[in-house]
Protein backbone atom coordinates (compact mmCIF):
# COMPACT_ATOMS: atom_id res chain seq x y z
CA MET A 1 45.92 51.54 28.26
CA ARG A 2 46.80 55.19 28.88
CA ARG A 3 43.39 56.21 27.54
CA LEU A 4 41.68 53.90 30.06
CA VAL A 5 43.72 55.32 32.93
CA CYS A 6 42.81 58.87 31.90
CA LEU A 7 39.14 57.91 31.67
CA ALA A 8 39.25 56.37 35.15
CA ARG A 9 40.86 59.50 36.58
CA PHE A 10 38.20 61.65 34.91
CA ILE A 11 35.44 59.56 36.47
CA PHE A 12 37.00 59.79 39.91
CA MET A 13 37.36 63.59 39.53
CA ARG A 14 33.69 63.88 38.59
CA ILE A 15 32.79 62.02 41.77
CA GLY A 16 34.23 64.99 43.63
CA ASN A 17 36.05 63.11 46.37
CA ASP A 18 39.67 62.01 45.98
CA LEU A 19 39.86 58.28 46.61
CA CYS A 20 43.49 58.04 47.63
CA GLY A 21 44.86 61.49 48.23
CA LEU A 22 47.58 60.57 45.73
CA PRO A 23 47.53 59.84 42.00
CA PRO A 24 46.88 56.11 41.33
CA ALA A 25 50.48 55.56 40.23
CA GLN A 26 51.76 56.65 43.65
CA SER A 27 51.43 55.01 47.02
CA ALA A 28 51.63 55.83 50.72
CA CYS A 29 53.84 53.86 53.12
CA GLY A 30 54.49 51.42 50.28
CA ILE A 31 50.77 50.56 49.84
CA ALA A 32 49.30 51.05 46.37
CA CYS A 33 46.25 53.20 45.76
CA GLY A 34 43.20 50.94 45.50
CA ALA A 35 40.87 53.33 43.66
CA ASP A 36 40.14 50.60 41.14
CA ARG A 37 38.87 48.34 43.96
CA ILE A 38 35.75 50.40 44.70
CA GLU A 39 32.35 49.79 43.10
CA PHE A 40 30.10 52.85 42.86
CA VAL A 41 26.39 52.08 42.92
CA GLU A 42 23.70 54.68 42.25
CA ARG A 43 20.15 54.62 43.55
CA ARG A 44 17.51 53.65 41.02
CA ALA A 45 13.74 54.06 41.12
CA GLY A 46 13.45 50.58 42.64
CA GLY A 47 16.32 51.03 45.08
CA PHE A 48 19.87 49.69 44.81
CA ASP A 49 21.05 46.77 42.69
CA VAL A 50 21.62 44.08 45.33
CA ALA A 51 22.81 41.51 42.78
CA ARG A 52 25.52 43.90 41.61
CA ILE A 53 26.55 44.64 45.19
CA THR A 54 26.86 40.98 46.17
CA ALA A 55 28.77 40.19 42.96
CA ALA A 56 31.23 42.99 43.72
CA LEU A 57 31.68 41.74 47.28
CA ARG A 58 32.44 38.26 45.96
CA SER A 59 35.17 39.91 43.86
CA ASP A 60 36.54 41.44 47.08
CA ARG A 61 35.63 44.98 46.10
CA LEU A 62 34.45 47.86 48.27
CA ILE A 63 30.89 49.05 47.69
CA LEU A 64 29.93 52.72 47.81
CA ALA A 65 26.21 53.34 47.30
CA ARG A 66 25.55 57.06 46.94
CA ASN A 67 22.57 59.28 47.72
CA ALA A 68 21.06 56.68 50.03
CA LEU A 69 18.61 57.25 52.88
CA GLN A 70 18.94 55.33 56.13
CA ARG A 71 15.96 53.20 55.19
CA ASP A 72 17.81 52.33 51.97
CA ALA A 73 20.84 51.30 54.03
CA GLU A 74 18.68 49.08 56.25
CA GLN A 75 17.06 47.41 53.23
CA VAL A 76 20.35 46.92 51.38
CA MET A 77 22.01 45.30 54.39
CA HIS A 78 18.99 43.05 54.88
CA ASP A 79 18.98 41.96 51.22
CA VAL A 80 22.76 41.57 50.88
CA ALA A 81 22.97 39.54 54.10
CA ALA A 82 20.16 37.31 52.83
CA GLU A 83 21.94 36.77 49.50
CA LEU A 84 25.15 35.81 51.28
CA GLY A 85 23.54 33.62 53.94
CA LEU A 86 24.35 36.07 56.74
CA SER A 87 20.87 37.07 57.92
CA VAL A 88 21.32 35.46 61.33
CA ASN A 89 24.67 37.22 61.76
CA LEU A 90 23.05 40.57 60.96
CA GLU A 91 20.30 40.10 63.52
CA MET A 92 22.75 38.89 66.17
CA GLN A 93 25.12 41.84 65.77
CA ALA A 94 22.23 44.30 66.10
CA THR A 95 21.18 42.52 69.28
CA PHE A 96 24.70 42.46 70.76
CA ALA A 97 24.94 46.25 70.48
CA GLY A 98 22.28 46.61 73.15
CA ILE A 99 23.56 43.75 75.32
CA HIS A 100 27.13 45.01 75.60
CA GLY A 101 26.08 48.66 75.84
CA HIS A 102 29.08 50.08 73.96
CA ARG A 103 26.81 51.18 71.10
CA GLN A 104 23.19 52.28 70.77
CA ASN A 105 20.78 50.94 68.16
CA VAL A 106 19.51 53.63 65.79
CA GLY A 107 17.56 51.39 63.44
CA ARG A 108 16.81 47.73 62.92
CA TYR A 109 20.42 46.89 62.02
CA TYR A 110 22.40 50.12 62.34
CA MET A 111 24.01 51.36 65.51
CA THR A 112 26.16 54.24 66.68
CA VAL A 113 29.93 54.03 66.29
CA ASN A 114 32.11 54.23 69.38
CA ARG A 115 32.36 57.71 70.87
CA ARG A 116 35.70 59.47 70.51
CA GLU A 117 37.54 61.98 72.62
CA GLU A 118 39.07 65.11 71.12
CA PHE A 119 41.74 64.45 68.46
CA ALA A 120 41.34 60.66 68.77
CA PHE A 121 41.60 58.54 65.61
CA ILE A 122 40.58 54.95 64.83
CA LEU A 123 43.25 52.38 63.92
CA PRO A 124 42.83 50.25 60.76
CA HIS A 125 41.12 47.04 61.84
CA SER A 126 38.54 44.46 60.94
CA GLU A 127 35.62 44.73 63.32
CA GLY A 128 35.59 42.28 66.20
CA SER A 129 37.78 39.24 66.74
CA GLY A 130 38.19 35.65 65.67
CA PHE A 131 35.61 34.80 68.32
CA SER A 132 32.92 37.12 66.91
CA ASN A 133 33.80 36.31 63.27
CA ILE A 134 31.96 39.30 61.73
CA GLN A 135 31.81 38.82 57.95
CA LEU A 136 30.42 42.16 56.69
CA ALA A 137 30.86 45.77 57.81
CA SER A 138 28.75 48.69 56.64
CA PHE A 139 28.88 52.42 57.36
CA TYR A 140 26.22 54.99 56.55
CA CYS A 141 26.92 58.73 56.70
CA HIS A 142 24.28 61.17 57.93
CA GLN A 143 26.67 64.11 58.18
CA ASN A 144 30.42 64.76 57.99
CA THR A 145 31.31 68.47 58.12
CA THR A 146 34.50 68.26 60.19
CA ASP A 147 37.95 69.12 58.87
CA GLY A 148 38.84 65.42 59.16
CA GLY A 149 36.96 62.22 59.89
CA VAL A 150 38.29 60.65 56.69
CA SER A 151 37.81 56.92 56.18
CA ILE A 152 40.90 54.85 55.38
CA LEU A 153 40.15 51.41 53.94
CA MET A 154 42.87 48.84 53.33
CA ASN A 155 42.79 45.49 51.55
CA THR A 156 44.84 42.73 53.17
CA ASP A 157 47.60 40.89 51.31
CA GLN A 158 46.78 37.25 51.93
CA ASP A 159 50.07 36.09 50.37
CA SER A 160 52.23 38.00 52.85
CA ALA A 161 54.59 36.02 55.03
CA ALA A 162 54.14 38.63 57.79
CA TRP A 163 50.92 37.07 59.07
CA LYS A 164 52.95 34.47 60.95
CA ASN A 165 54.31 37.31 63.12
CA THR A 166 50.88 38.63 64.13
CA ARG A 167 49.10 37.66 67.31
CA GLU A 168 45.58 38.08 68.64
CA LEU A 169 44.66 38.85 72.23
CA VAL A 170 42.18 36.23 73.44
CA THR A 171 40.54 35.27 76.70
CA ARG A 172 41.18 31.73 77.92
CA ILE A 173 39.78 29.85 80.88
CA ASP A 174 42.48 29.02 83.41
CA PRO A 175 42.83 25.21 83.39
CA GLY A 176 43.13 25.38 87.19
CA SER A 177 39.58 26.72 87.47
CA ARG A 178 36.72 24.57 88.70
CA PRO A 179 34.48 22.94 86.05
CA LEU A 180 31.85 25.30 84.63
CA THR A 181 28.17 24.49 84.34
CA VAL A 182 26.47 24.70 80.94
CA THR A 183 24.99 28.09 81.91
CA GLU A 184 28.35 29.40 83.11
CA LYS A 185 30.01 28.33 79.88
CA ALA A 186 27.37 30.27 77.96
CA VAL A 187 27.99 33.35 80.12
CA ALA A 188 31.76 33.02 79.65
CA ARG A 189 31.29 32.92 75.87
CA THR A 190 28.73 35.72 75.63
CA ARG A 191 30.10 38.23 78.13
CA PHE A 192 33.81 37.49 78.16
CA TRP A 193 34.40 35.70 74.84
CA ALA A 194 36.17 32.94 76.71
CA GLU A 195 35.77 29.24 76.07
CA GLU A 196 38.90 27.14 75.90
CA SER A 197 42.11 26.44 77.77
CA PRO A 198 45.46 27.98 76.70
CA GLY A 199 47.22 26.48 73.70
CA PRO A 200 50.91 25.51 73.51
CA ASP A 201 51.86 28.74 71.67
CA ASP A 202 49.83 31.13 73.84
CA VAL A 203 51.69 33.77 75.85
CA LEU A 204 50.19 35.03 79.11
CA VAL A 205 49.61 38.77 79.36
CA GLU A 206 47.62 39.02 82.58
CA GLU A 207 44.71 37.60 84.53
CA ARG A 208 41.27 38.95 83.74
CA PRO A 209 38.68 39.55 86.48
CA SER A 210 35.90 37.01 86.70
CA ALA A 211 32.56 37.28 88.48
CA MET A 212 32.45 33.49 88.83
CA GLU A 213 33.77 32.12 92.08
CA GLY A 214 36.59 29.64 91.56
CA VAL A 215 37.01 30.62 87.88
CA ARG A 216 39.90 32.64 86.43
CA PHE A 217 40.22 34.09 82.94
CA LEU A 218 43.54 34.71 81.28
CA TRP A 219 44.43 37.33 78.67
CA MET A 220 46.77 35.62 76.24
CA LEU A 221 48.46 36.39 72.93
CA THR A 222 47.92 33.57 70.47
CA PRO A 223 49.13 33.21 66.86
CA LEU A 224 46.54 34.65 64.46
CA ARG A 225 44.50 31.95 62.74
CA LYS A 226 42.67 32.12 59.44
CA SER A 227 38.90 32.53 59.38
CA PHE A 228 36.50 31.27 56.75
CA SER A 229 35.08 34.05 54.57
CA THR A 230 31.49 33.27 53.68
CA VAL A 231 31.64 35.96 50.99
CA LEU A 232 34.76 34.62 49.25
CA GLN A 233 34.28 30.95 50.19
CA ARG A 234 37.85 30.53 51.37
CA GLU A 235 39.96 30.99 54.49
CA VAL A 236 41.69 34.32 55.00
CA TYR A 237 43.73 36.24 57.58
CA PRO A 238 41.63 39.08 59.06
CA TYR A 239 43.35 42.01 60.82
CA TRP A 240 40.96 41.91 63.77
CA ASP A 241 40.65 44.73 66.29
CA SER A 242 41.95 42.17 68.79
CA VAL A 243 45.14 42.09 66.69
CA ALA A 244 45.56 45.73 65.64
CA SER A 245 44.75 47.48 68.91
CA LYS A 246 47.11 45.24 70.91
CA ASP A 247 50.14 45.95 68.73
CA LEU A 248 52.22 49.04 69.53
CA ASP A 249 53.71 48.95 66.04
CA SER A 250 50.24 49.23 64.50
CA VAL A 251 49.72 52.52 66.32
CA SER A 252 52.96 54.06 65.03
CA GLU A 253 52.25 52.73 61.53
CA CYS A 254 48.79 54.33 61.61
CA ILE A 255 50.22 57.73 62.53
CA ARG A 256 52.79 57.43 59.75
CA LEU A 257 50.05 56.54 57.25
CA MET A 258 47.81 59.44 58.28
CA ARG A 259 50.66 61.90 58.13
CA SER A 260 51.55 60.71 54.63
CA TYR A 261 48.06 61.81 53.54
CA ASP A 262 48.18 64.96 55.69
CA LEU A 263 45.18 63.67 57.64
CA LEU A 264 46.48 63.84 61.21
CA ARG A 265 45.11 66.84 63.11
CA GLU A 266 47.45 67.76 65.94
CA PRO A 267 46.84 70.21 68.80
CA ALA A 268 49.20 73.10 69.43
CA GLY A 269 52.21 72.18 71.48
CA GLY A 270 52.42 68.57 70.28
CA ARG A 271 51.23 65.43 71.99
CA GLY A 272 52.32 61.82 72.43
CA ILE A 273 50.84 58.84 70.61
CA ASP A 274 48.64 57.96 73.57
CA TYR A 275 46.82 61.27 73.18
CA PHE A 276 45.60 60.42 69.67
CA ASP A 277 44.85 56.72 70.13
CA LYS A 278 42.81 55.95 73.21
CA ALA A 279 43.40 52.22 72.68
CA TYR A 280 47.15 52.77 73.01
CA CYS A 281 47.09 51.88 76.70
CA ARG A 282 45.67 48.47 75.73
CA ALA A 283 48.53 47.63 73.37
CA VAL A 284 50.74 44.99 74.95
CA TRP A 285 53.48 44.03 72.50
CA HIS A 286 55.55 44.89 69.41
CA SER A 287 54.95 42.66 66.39
CA GLY A 288 57.60 44.32 64.21
CA VAL A 289 55.13 44.14 61.29
CA THR A 290 54.60 47.11 58.94
CA TYR A 291 51.43 48.01 57.06
CA ARG A 292 53.11 47.58 53.68
CA GLU A 293 53.68 43.92 54.62
CA LEU A 294 50.03 43.34 55.51
CA PHE A 295 48.12 45.45 52.97
CA LYS A 296 48.19 45.60 49.19
CA ALA A 297 45.78 48.48 48.51
CA VAL A 298 44.40 51.55 50.29
CA VAL A 299 41.35 53.72 49.58
CA VAL A 300 41.01 57.07 51.32
CA ARG A 301 37.60 58.74 51.19
CA LYS A 302 35.72 61.24 53.29
CA LEU A 303 32.20 59.87 53.55
CA GLU A 304 29.53 62.38 52.61
CA ARG A 305 25.86 62.69 53.47
CA GLY A 306 24.01 59.73 51.93
CA ASP A 307 27.11 57.57 51.38
CA LEU A 308 26.66 53.87 52.20
CA LEU A 309 29.87 51.85 52.40
CA ILE A 310 29.84 48.04 52.50
CA GLN A 311 32.92 45.81 52.73
CA ASN A 312 34.11 42.31 53.44
CA ASN A 313 35.11 42.66 57.08
CA LEU A 314 37.61 39.80 56.85
CA THR A 315 39.69 41.17 53.95
CA TRP A 316 39.23 44.95 54.32
CA THR A 317 40.03 47.06 57.36
CA HIS A 318 38.46 50.40 58.21
CA ALA A 319 39.96 53.37 60.03
CA ALA A 320 39.10 57.04 60.48
CA SER A 321 41.29 60.09 60.91
CA ASN A 322 40.72 62.63 63.67
CA TRP A 323 39.53 66.21 63.35
CA THR A 324 39.93 69.56 65.03
CA PRO A 325 37.41 69.97 67.86
CA GLY A 326 34.62 72.36 66.92
CA SER A 327 35.30 72.10 63.18
CA GLY A 328 31.97 70.41 62.43
CA THR A 329 29.84 67.31 63.04
CA ARG A 330 30.48 63.70 62.04
CA ASN A 331 27.50 61.36 62.30
CA VAL A 332 28.27 57.92 60.88
CA ILE A 333 26.40 54.76 61.89
CA ALA A 334 27.41 51.13 61.38
CA ALA A 335 25.94 47.68 60.82
CA PHE A 336 27.67 44.31 60.93
CA ALA A 337 26.84 40.77 59.85
């Protein structure tokens, strides 16, 4: 057993990029190093082994394809989505990027990541919400020469009892609103992700502006529900952005995690949490839940030029540390299905 562990460590050292920032036997914030949960895939003459990638995803592993070109990334996402029955999802997510305007398309499927202000980091989260139900997330690195911009990937613990204490921020239609036409219902779903009336366990946060006369939307916290993972063929708890970014405790946990890896870049003079996390002002409650209760493994890796990362968006979260302004350039693009 010891010989196998030594061999694994040797392989990881040869890769040239520390996967956890700590030896595998150690952990950060009570979360074990998940270096053994990543599948490295090299480019062959005929491209990348899609069958191997999909098999690894079905085993809930991270995929890291190395030395890829963007056209390789586009082809891999196309083929993997087709194998998993997610081709329609892939096309829809690429289309939504242009509709909502928060990202710009830079290929058939890939799009820019959200722009960040100086010293801002990205909280661990699964992309989207229970409404969008994004199954796969992929990130391709063109360049990453900053003194930070490190990806932090965490695998959820589906057996944790803490999920019952998590809530998702959703948009409901006020039951006192007038009846909506078929077209208006479609607009409410597409633009505002709103469709149903409040449930018995929903908690009102605030009213949300509506462009429809006689119609009110409500921001409400609702108990997190499981989503069906097409990849794993079972229901799981995803740590949606609509869960993570609304929880003040997630922000403080993220800072603690980044500091444990010495990843947090802080300006001279010190700053408050709201300076580092621009979503902090959108957080509306304290769950009391810690990361060690929600996650069972963490992988820390600084993506390099030509790295293509693919993960199950429902069981793995992604985050990125900040960097010192002027220290370099980070150009990472994303695709979702």
